[in-house]
Amino acid sequence: MRKARQAVLELAGREIVITNPDKLFFPQAGHTKRDLVRYYAAVAEGALRGIAGRPIVLKRYVDGAAGEPFFQKRAPEQRPEWIETVELRFPSGRTAREIVVRDAAQLLWMVNLGCIDVNPHPVRADDLEHPDELRVDLDPGPGVGWDSVRRVTLLVRDVLDGHRLRACP
């Protein structure tokens, strides 16, 4: 059976081209890029609560979840006109135009680039000088299992509680 080279998804009047939709992204489970896009479409409302209006660093898994990801700060030159960007200035003096996701169509466009997880900045696109959140990103990895992540999560919660800071899951 021949694999589709692309699929087109229409959402809120926008066309999102899904390239290589049948590419395996989670080989052990048999899930494809199309499955990942469908998943994000289903959870878009919740995902947008945490990222909407924030510049995003793209973490791209072009070879699927088992492949080595790379970070891309700059928005791709080839992008639909409805993909918003904002220019960030770094301490080094360098700048980068990064994408800003505000709706489900923009989110799914980003997922098509191979973004499995989402990495927003702690600032909003309309106020780049004033961070308004702190993210503590806890992930298992080589030599660090879920039990360790769980223990550290509880410690972080205690520290936040001690400073009267509210955590959001």
C-alpha atoms as a PDB file:
ATOM      1  CA  MET A   1       0.000   0.000   0.000  1.00  0.00           C
ATOM      2  CA  ARG A   2       1.333   3.398  -0.979  1.00  0.00           C
ATOM      3  CA  LYS A   3       1.760   6.000   1.759  1.00  0.00           C
ATOM      4  CA  ALA A   4       0.148   9.418   1.370  1.00  0.00           C
ATOM      5  CA  ARG A   5       2.663  12.193   0.745  1.00  0.00           C
ATOM      6  CA  GLN A   6       0.387  14.747   2.356  1.00  0.00           C
ATOM      7  CA  ALA A   7      -3.065  15.287   3.763  1.00  0.00           C
ATOM      8  CA  VAL A   8      -4.970  18.523   4.116  1.00  0.00           C
ATOM      9  CA  LEU A   9      -6.910  19.322   7.252  1.00  0.00           C
ATOM     10  CA  GLU A  10      -9.300  22.257   7.313  1.00  0.00           C
ATOM     11  CA  LEU A  11      -9.843  24.000  10.623  1.00  0.00           C
ATOM     12  CA  ALA A  12     -11.521  27.347  11.254  1.00  0.00           C
ATOM     13  CA  GLY A  13     -11.256  28.235   7.563  1.00  0.00           C
ATOM     14  CA  ARG A  14      -7.545  27.454   7.387  1.00  0.00           C
ATOM     15  CA  GLU A  15      -5.882  24.650   5.475  1.00  0.00           C
ATOM     16  CA  ILE A  16      -3.178  22.783   7.358  1.00  0.00           C
ATOM     17  CA  VAL A  17      -1.012  20.612   5.130  1.00  0.00           C
ATOM     18  CA  ILE A  18       0.145  17.490   6.951  1.00  0.00           C
ATOM     19  CA  THR A  19       3.282  16.204   5.235  1.00  0.00           C
ATOM     20  CA  ASN A  20       4.024  12.477   5.346  1.00  0.00           C
ATOM     21  CA  PRO A  21       0.919  11.746   7.455  1.00  0.00           C
ATOM     22  CA  ASP A  22       1.563   7.987   7.463  1.00  0.00           C
ATOM     23  CA  LYS A  23       5.115   8.304   8.806  1.00  0.00           C
ATOM     24  CA  LEU A  24       5.519   6.278  12.014  1.00  0.00           C
ATOM     25  CA  PHE A  25       6.113   8.633  14.927  1.00  0.00           C
ATOM     26  CA  PHE A  26       5.654   6.106  17.716  1.00  0.00           C
ATOM     27  CA  PRO A  27       6.823   2.825  16.126  1.00  0.00           C
ATOM     28  CA  GLN A  28       6.235   0.584  19.162  1.00  0.00           C
ATOM     29  CA  ALA A  29       2.589   1.636  19.319  1.00  0.00           C
ATOM     30  CA  GLY A  30       2.191   1.957  15.546  1.00  0.00           C
ATOM     31  CA  HIS A  31       1.096   5.608  15.755  1.00  0.00           C
ATOM     32  CA  THR A  32       1.715   7.919  12.802  1.00  0.00           C
ATOM     33  CA  LYS A  33       2.154  11.646  12.382  1.00  0.00           C
ATOM     34  CA  ARG A  34      -1.533  11.764  11.383  1.00  0.00           C
ATOM     35  CA  ASP A  35      -2.369  10.147  14.750  1.00  0.00           C
ATOM     36  CA  LEU A  36      -0.275  12.770  16.562  1.00  0.00           C
ATOM     37  CA  VAL A  37      -2.076  15.581  14.726  1.00  0.00           C
ATOM     38  CA  ARG A  38      -5.457  14.024  15.585  1.00  0.00           C
ATOM     39  CA  TYR A  39      -4.412  13.750  19.233  1.00  0.00           C
ATOM     40  CA  TYR A  40      -3.444  17.428  19.378  1.00  0.00           C
ATOM     41  CA  ALA A  41      -6.694  18.362  17.628  1.00  0.00           C
ATOM     42  CA  ALA A  42      -8.566  16.518  20.402  1.00  0.00           C
ATOM     43  CA  VAL A  43      -6.641  18.197  23.247  1.00  0.00           C
ATOM     44  CA  ALA A  44      -6.111  21.604  21.607  1.00  0.00           C
ATOM     45  CA  GLU A  45      -8.330  23.504  24.027  1.00  0.00           C
ATOM     46  CA  GLY A  46      -6.351  22.316  27.050  1.00  0.00           C
ATOM     47  CA  ALA A  47      -2.975  22.664  25.331  1.00  0.00           C
ATOM     48  CA  LEU A  48      -3.749  26.234  24.305  1.00  0.00           C
ATOM     49  CA  ARG A  49      -4.492  27.212  27.912  1.00  0.00           C
ATOM     50  CA  GLY A  50      -0.804  26.715  28.673  1.00  0.00           C
ATOM     51  CA  ILE A  51       0.787  28.141  25.528  1.00  0.00           C
ATOM     52  CA  ALA A  52      -1.542  30.623  23.823  1.00  0.00           C
ATOM     53  CA  GLY A  53       0.064  33.962  23.116  1.00  0.00           C
ATOM     54  CA  ARG A  54       3.576  32.841  24.032  1.00  0.00           C
ATOM     55  CA  PRO A  55       6.622  32.567  21.760  1.00  0.00           C
ATOM     56  CA  ILE A  56       7.463  28.911  21.161  1.00  0.00           C
ATOM     57  CA  VAL A  57      10.814  27.191  20.662  1.00  0.00           C
ATOM     58  CA  LEU A  58      10.236  24.351  18.221  1.00  0.00           C
ATOM     59  CA  LYS A  59      11.532  20.986  19.423  1.00  0.00           C
ATOM     60  CA  ARG A  60      11.365  18.910  16.270  1.00  0.00           C
ATOM     61  CA  TYR A  61      11.366  15.120  16.136  1.00  0.00           C
ATOM     62  CA  VAL A  62      11.625  14.762  12.358  1.00  0.00           C
ATOM     63  CA  ASP A  63      12.431  11.044  12.693  1.00  0.00           C
ATOM     64  CA  GLY A  64       9.644  10.398  15.198  1.00  0.00           C
ATOM     65  CA  ALA A  65       9.743   9.965  18.967  1.00  0.00           C
ATOM     66  CA  ALA A  66      12.607   7.459  18.835  1.00  0.00           C
ATOM     67  CA  GLY A  67      14.775   9.844  16.802  1.00  0.00           C
ATOM     68  CA  GLU A  68      17.041  12.592  18.075  1.00  0.00           C
ATOM     69  CA  PRO A  69      15.141  15.896  18.331  1.00  0.00           C
ATOM     70  CA  PHE A  70      16.617  19.306  17.593  1.00  0.00           C
ATOM     71  CA  PHE A  71      15.605  22.751  18.801  1.00  0.00           C
ATOM     72  CA  GLN A  72      14.703  25.449  16.303  1.00  0.00           C
ATOM     73  CA  LYS A  73      14.351  28.963  17.672  1.00  0.00           C
ATOM     74  CA  ARG A  74      13.620  30.701  14.404  1.00  0.00           C
ATOM     75  CA  ALA A  75      10.269  30.370  12.679  1.00  0.00           C
ATOM     76  CA  PRO A  76      10.576  28.531   9.367  1.00  0.00           C
ATOM     77  CA  GLU A  77      10.797  30.879   6.385  1.00  0.00           C
ATOM     78  CA  GLN A  78       8.183  28.787   4.576  1.00  0.00           C
ATOM     79  CA  ARG A  79       5.033  29.193   6.640  1.00  0.00           C
ATOM     80  CA  PRO A  80       1.423  30.206   6.066  1.00  0.00           C
ATOM     81  CA  GLU A  81       0.666  33.903   6.415  1.00  0.00           C
ATOM     82  CA  TRP A  82      -1.596  33.104   9.378  1.00  0.00           C
ATOM     83  CA  ILE A  83       1.342  31.899  11.486  1.00  0.00           C
ATOM     84  CA  GLU A  84       2.184  34.757  13.843  1.00  0.00           C
ATOM     85  CA  THR A  85       5.762  35.510  14.864  1.00  0.00           C
ATOM     86  CA  VAL A  86       7.427  37.834  17.346  1.00  0.00           C
ATOM     87  CA  GLU A  87      11.046  38.952  17.527  1.00  0.00           C
ATOM     88  CA  LEU A  88      12.882  38.013  20.704  1.00  0.00           C
ATOM     89  CA  ARG A  89      16.191  39.561  21.752  1.00  0.00           C
ATOM     90  CA  PHE A  90      18.582  37.378  23.714  1.00  0.00           C
ATOM     91  CA  PRO A  91      21.237  38.461  26.266  1.00  0.00           C
ATOM     92  CA  SER A  92      23.872  37.906  23.564  1.00  0.00           C
ATOM     93  CA  GLY A  93      22.222  40.656  21.517  1.00  0.00           C
ATOM     94  CA  ARG A  94      21.090  38.211  18.855  1.00  0.00           C
ATOM     95  CA  THR A  95      17.476  38.070  17.794  1.00  0.00           C
ATOM     96  CA  ALA A  96      15.117  35.423  16.484  1.00  0.00           C
ATOM     97  CA  ARG A  97      11.591  35.526  15.105  1.00  0.00           C
ATOM     98  CA  GLU A  98       9.717  32.754  16.907  1.00  0.00           C
ATOM     99  CA  ILE A  99       6.221  31.502  16.292  1.00  0.00           C
ATOM    100  CA  VAL A 100       3.321  32.434  18.545  1.00  0.00           C
ATOM    101  CA  VAL A 101       0.441  29.978  18.804  1.00  0.00           C
ATOM    102  CA  ARG A 102      -2.999  31.381  19.566  1.00  0.00           C
ATOM    103  CA  ASP A 103      -5.379  28.821  18.071  1.00  0.00           C
ATOM    104  CA  ALA A 104      -5.784  25.159  17.187  1.00  0.00           C
ATOM    105  CA  ALA A 105      -4.858  25.609  13.503  1.00  0.00           C
ATOM    106  CA  GLN A 106      -1.526  27.183  14.460  1.00  0.00           C
ATOM    107  CA  LEU A 107      -0.933  24.405  17.007  1.00  0.00           C
ATOM    108  CA  LEU A 108      -1.568  21.670  14.429  1.00  0.00           C
ATOM    109  CA  TRP A 109       0.692  23.411  11.899  1.00  0.00           C
ATOM    110  CA  MET A 110       3.454  23.289  14.523  1.00  0.00           C
ATOM    111  CA  VAL A 111       2.780  19.597  15.276  1.00  0.00           C
ATOM    112  CA  ASN A 112       3.155  18.865  11.556  1.00  0.00           C
ATOM    113  CA  LEU A 113       6.755  20.088  11.849  1.00  0.00           C
ATOM    114  CA  GLY A 114       7.413  17.130  14.142  1.00  0.00           C
ATOM    115  CA  CYS A 115       6.832  18.899  17.451  1.00  0.00           C
ATOM    116  CA  ILE A 116       5.714  16.243  19.919  1.00  0.00           C
ATOM    117  CA  ASP A 117       6.062  18.385  23.032  1.00  0.00           C
ATOM    118  CA  VAL A 118       5.591  22.138  23.263  1.00  0.00           C
ATOM    119  CA  ASN A 119       8.174  24.566  24.659  1.00  0.00           C
ATOM    120  CA  PRO A 120       6.787  28.059  25.305  1.00  0.00           C
ATOM    121  CA  HIS A 121       8.738  30.960  26.736  1.00  0.00           C
ATOM    122  CA  PRO A 122       7.745  32.282  30.189  1.00  0.00           C
ATOM    123  CA  VAL A 123       6.666  35.585  28.586  1.00  0.00           C
ATOM    124  CA  ARG A 124       3.720  36.642  26.479  1.00  0.00           C
ATOM    125  CA  ALA A 125       4.249  37.887  22.933  1.00  0.00           C
ATOM    126  CA  ASP A 126       2.696  41.239  23.844  1.00  0.00           C
ATOM    127  CA  ASP A 127       5.010  41.754  26.861  1.00  0.00           C
ATOM    128  CA  LEU A 128       8.416  40.203  26.202  1.00  0.00           C
ATOM    129  CA  GLU A 129      10.140  42.092  29.012  1.00  0.00           C
ATOM    130  CA  HIS A 130       8.095  40.694  31.901  1.00  0.00           C
ATOM    131  CA  PRO A 131       8.038  36.930  32.518  1.00  0.00           C
ATOM    132  CA  ASP A 132       4.754  35.939  34.101  1.00  0.00           C
ATOM    133  CA  GLU A 133       5.356  32.302  34.885  1.00  0.00           C
ATOM    134  CA  LEU A 134       7.971  29.790  35.947  1.00  0.00           C
ATOM    135  CA  ARG A 135       7.931  26.342  34.390  1.00  0.00           C
ATOM    136  CA  VAL A 136       9.618  23.446  36.121  1.00  0.00           C
ATOM    137  CA  ASP A 137       9.964  20.778  33.445  1.00  0.00           C
ATOM    138  CA  LEU A 138      10.474  17.356  34.993  1.00  0.00           C
ATOM    139  CA  ASP A 139      11.032  14.445  32.633  1.00  0.00           C
ATOM    140  CA  PRO A 140      12.403  10.949  33.071  1.00  0.00           C
ATOM    141  CA  GLY A 141      15.582  10.151  31.189  1.00  0.00           C
ATOM    142  CA  PRO A 142      18.580   7.842  31.212  1.00  0.00           C
ATOM    143  CA  GLY A 143      19.248   7.007  34.852  1.00  0.00           C
ATOM    144  CA  VAL A 144      16.239   9.055  36.026  1.00  0.00           C
ATOM    145  CA  GLY A 145      13.007   7.098  36.240  1.00  0.00           C
ATOM    146  CA  TRP A 146       9.428   8.070  36.997  1.00  0.00           C
ATOM    147  CA  ASP A 147       9.904   7.418  40.729  1.00  0.00           C
ATOM    148  CA  SER A 148      12.616  10.100  40.861  1.00  0.00           C
ATOM    149  CA  VAL A 149      10.479  12.510  38.854  1.00  0.00           C
ATOM    150  CA  ARG A 150       7.557  11.884  41.212  1.00  0.00           C
ATOM    151  CA  ARG A 151       9.726  12.563  44.309  1.00  0.00           C
ATOM    152  CA  VAL A 152      11.116  15.794  42.859  1.00  0.00           C
ATOM    153  CA  THR A 153       7.617  16.882  41.852  1.00  0.00           C
ATOM    154  CA  LEU A 154       6.483  16.605  45.468  1.00  0.00           C
ATOM    155  CA  LEU A 155       9.545  18.567  46.641  1.00  0.00           C
ATOM    156  CA  VAL A 156       8.844  21.307  44.099  1.00  0.00           C
ATOM    157  CA  ARG A 157       5.242  21.463  45.289  1.00  0.00           C
ATOM    158  CA  ASP A 158       6.419  21.881  48.900  1.00  0.00           C
ATOM    159  CA  VAL A 159       8.839  24.674  47.932  1.00  0.00           C
ATOM    160  CA  LEU A 160       6.122  26.483  45.963  1.00  0.00           C
ATOM    161  CA  ASP A 161       3.651  26.079  48.826  1.00  0.00           C
ATOM    162  CA  GLY A 162       6.271  27.488  51.212  1.00  0.00           C
ATOM    163  CA  HIS A 163       6.409  30.643  49.088  1.00  0.00           C
ATOM    164  CA  ARG A 164       2.642  30.786  48.618  1.00  0.00           C
ATOM    165  CA  LEU A 165       2.975  30.143  44.901  1.00  0.00           C
ATOM    166  CA  ARG A 166       0.270  28.248  43.073  1.00  0.00           C
ATOM    167  CA  ALA A 167       1.236  25.391  40.780  1.00  0.00           C
ATOM    168  CA  CYS A 168      -0.709  24.423  37.695  1.00  0.00           C
ATOM    169  CA  PRO A 169      -0.459  20.858  36.451  1.00  0.00           C
END
